[in-house]
Protein backbone atom coordinates (compact mmCIF):
# COMPACT_ATOMS: atom_id res chain seq x y z
CA MET A 1 47.45 280.95 25.90
CA SER A 2 44.10 282.18 27.17
CA GLN A 3 43.53 285.79 28.08
CA ILE A 4 41.43 286.77 31.09
CA LYS A 5 39.44 289.97 31.28
CA ILE A 6 38.08 290.98 34.70
CA LEU A 7 34.48 292.16 34.30
CA ARG A 8 33.60 292.67 37.95
CA ARG A 9 35.71 292.45 41.09
CA GLU A 10 34.35 292.87 44.59
CA GLU A 11 35.43 291.70 48.03
CA SER A 12 33.71 288.35 47.68
CA LEU A 13 32.82 288.23 43.98
CA LEU A 14 34.84 287.83 40.82
CA GLU A 15 33.36 287.79 37.33
CA PHE A 16 35.74 287.31 34.43
CA GLU A 17 35.83 286.41 30.77
CA ILE A 18 38.18 283.66 29.56
CA GLU A 19 39.17 283.91 25.93
CA GLY A 20 39.26 280.71 23.91
CA GLU A 21 38.27 278.20 26.61
CA ASP A 22 35.53 275.61 26.40
CA HIS A 23 33.56 273.33 28.72
CA SER A 24 36.53 270.99 29.31
CA PHE A 25 38.64 273.47 31.24
CA LEU A 26 35.74 275.47 32.68
CA ASN A 27 34.11 272.37 34.20
CA LEU A 28 37.42 271.32 35.73
CA LEU A 29 37.98 274.78 37.22
CA ARG A 30 34.41 274.89 38.54
CA GLU A 31 34.69 271.45 40.14
CA VAL A 32 38.02 272.20 41.82
CA LEU A 33 36.74 275.54 43.12
CA LYS A 34 33.43 274.19 44.47
CA ASP A 35 35.25 271.73 46.72
CA GLN A 36 37.39 274.49 48.21
CA ALA A 37 36.66 275.87 51.68
CA GLY A 38 35.25 279.38 51.51
CA VAL A 39 33.80 279.07 48.00
CA LEU A 40 30.05 279.71 48.04
CA PHE A 41 29.21 279.67 44.34
CA THR A 42 30.98 278.98 41.08
CA ALA A 43 29.52 278.81 37.59
CA TYR A 44 30.09 279.87 34.01
CA ARG A 45 28.03 280.66 30.96
CA PHE A 46 28.49 281.22 27.26
CA PRO A 47 26.53 284.34 26.25
CA HIS A 48 26.71 283.11 22.64
CA PRO A 49 28.89 280.10 21.76
CA LEU A 50 29.99 281.44 18.38
CA LEU A 51 30.38 285.13 19.11
CA GLU A 52 31.44 285.56 22.72
CA ASN A 53 33.86 284.12 25.25
CA PRO A 54 32.61 282.31 28.36
CA ILE A 55 32.03 284.28 31.54
CA PHE A 56 33.02 282.71 34.86
CA TYR A 57 31.49 283.63 38.24
CA LEU A 58 33.05 283.03 41.63
CA ARG A 59 31.55 284.05 44.99
CA THR A 60 33.45 283.39 48.22
CA SER A 61 33.43 283.92 51.95
CA GLU A 62 36.49 283.77 54.20
CA ILE A 63 38.81 283.86 51.16
CA VAL A 64 39.43 286.46 48.46
CA PRO A 65 38.21 285.16 45.08
CA ILE A 66 41.56 285.71 43.36
CA GLU A 67 43.27 283.68 46.10
CA ALA A 68 40.75 280.88 45.59
CA LEU A 69 41.66 280.89 41.89
CA GLY A 70 45.34 280.61 42.79
CA VAL A 71 44.69 277.61 45.04
CA ALA A 72 42.55 275.98 42.33
CA SER A 73 45.25 276.57 39.71
CA LYS A 74 47.88 274.87 41.85
CA SER A 75 45.52 271.96 42.47
CA ILE A 76 44.86 271.53 38.74
CA ILE A 77 48.60 271.61 38.00
CA GLN A 78 49.19 268.94 40.65
CA MET A 79 46.41 266.78 39.20
CA CYS A 80 47.98 267.06 35.73
CA ASP A 81 51.44 266.20 37.07
CA GLU A 82 50.05 263.11 38.82
CA LEU A 83 48.26 261.99 35.66
CA THR A 84 51.43 262.49 33.63
CA GLU A 85 53.38 260.30 36.06
CA ILE A 86 50.74 257.57 35.89
CA ILE A 87 50.78 257.64 32.09
CA HIS A 88 54.59 257.49 31.93
CA SER A 89 54.80 254.61 34.39
CA THR A 90 52.05 252.72 32.57
CA VAL A 91 53.64 253.20 29.15
CA LYS A 92 57.11 252.17 30.43
CA GLY A 93 55.63 249.01 31.95
CA ASN A 94 54.03 247.98 28.65
CA PHE A 95 57.11 248.29 26.40
């Protein structure tokens, strides 16, 4: 399980480090967040790919950044559940 370390937290800005994650999850999180109302900017960077964990940036208006993360998390979970159902129904239909 990944650990999150808050580096900077302001009213409309959240900067945090995510231990052990790579582009796969970070791109998904960024994409889900950027389509959310009230999100102005979302990005991440790897200070050094072998020595440091990625740093994620989130700037919002009209929504608190931590709330935007909560909404994005629920959306990602729903997307995974839907994909799981599609896979199960497809596999059942082929056996």
